[in-house]
C-alpha cells in the first residue's frame, strides 16, 4: 500500500539530540579529544571575559564551531551559523540543544576576534599536544619542518605604490593595467586590500602572487604538527621560522630536523648545529658551491629515515588546502591568517589522533560531555 505524503508532528517528544548521532560517527571521538583539551583552558577563558554583564557566546562552543568550519569546508562564518541553526549534528558537536537559539554571524565574528587577542588558539593547540604527549604519541628527538604558501585575499590590481601615486595606471576600478617594463617590489608597493601580504614566487617558472608563508614543525613518531606559524612571504622566511620553531621544543637533548632542499644553505646548517640540532636536510647538489650537507650527516641510517618521514608533513598541508580551505585565505591581516593556519593544523592533528587506537577508548570516557 502506498504511504501517505502527509506529516503529523507529535505534540511532545522524548528524543535526545544524542539519539540522532550514530554511535560510530567520527565526530564522537573527535569531540572527546576536543572536550578534554578545553577543560584545561578554564583559567584562560575566565580571564578573557568580565565577571558581570551580559553573557557572551561560551568560548568552548566558539572553539567547537570553528573546528566544524574546518572539518566541513564551510566557506564563511555566516554560512557556519546558518548550518548550526538547522543541522542536528552541528548542534550536538557545538553543545547546543535542539531549541537553543543560534547566534548572529556578526556576534560570532566579534567573539572570534577575542580569541586572537588572548592567543586562545595557541593555548588550545598546546592542550591537545599535551594529550598526545600523555598518550606517548610524540617524539622528543626527531622532527621535520616545511613551509607552504597561503594565497592572500587580494589581487594584483590592489598592489599600488606606497607613495600614493597611481603608478601610471589608467583611472577606473577595473581598467586594464599593463605592468610590462614597470618594476614592482615589496619595498615600493603594497596591497591596498591587505597591506600585510607580500608579492612572492617560489621559483623562476611560476608567477608571483600576493601571499603569506605558513610554517609547520612535525614530530616524526606519529606525524603530528607540534608548532605552526605564519610569516610574511620572503626568501628567508622558511629557514628563519624553522629555527624559531625548533627552539620552542623543550629539552636539552640532541634533536634531528628533516627538511627539503630549500633549507640546504650554509647559514641554516651552521645555526642548527649551534642549537644542538642535527640538520637532516636534503642535499641540493645543483646549488652553486655544492651542498652544505656532508658525509658526517648522510652516512647515518637516521638521515635516510628522516628524509622518508619528512614528506608526511605535506599530508597536513594538503588536507588543510583541500578540506580546510587555506589555499587562499578569506582573512586579511597576518594575525587572522595566522589564526586560520594554526586552527587548520590543530584540526588536522585532532583528526589524526582520533584515528589512533591509543586515543579512542580512553578518551571516550575522559571527554564525555
Foldseek 3Di string as FASTA:
>chain_A
DDDDPDDDDDPDDDDFLVVVDDPPDLVLLLLLLLLLLVVVCPVVQPVLDDPDDDDAPRVSLLLQLVLVCLQAVPPALQVSQVCCLPPSVNCVSSVHTVPDDTDHSVSSVVVVVSCLVSVVLVSSLVSSVVVCVVLVQFDLAEKEKDKDKFAEPAFPCQWAFPVPDRQPADDDDPDDDDCPPPDGALVGTAGPVFRQWGFDDDDDPDHTGGTKMKMFMFGQRLGATNDIFIHHDDLCVRLVVVLVGVVPRDDQAAHEYEYECSQFDLVSCVSCVVSRYHYLYHWDQVDVVGTNDDPVRVVDPVSVVSNVRNCSNVVLVVSCVPRVVRSYDPDGDRSVNGSSSSSSSSSVNSSSQSPDPSSPPVSSVNRPD
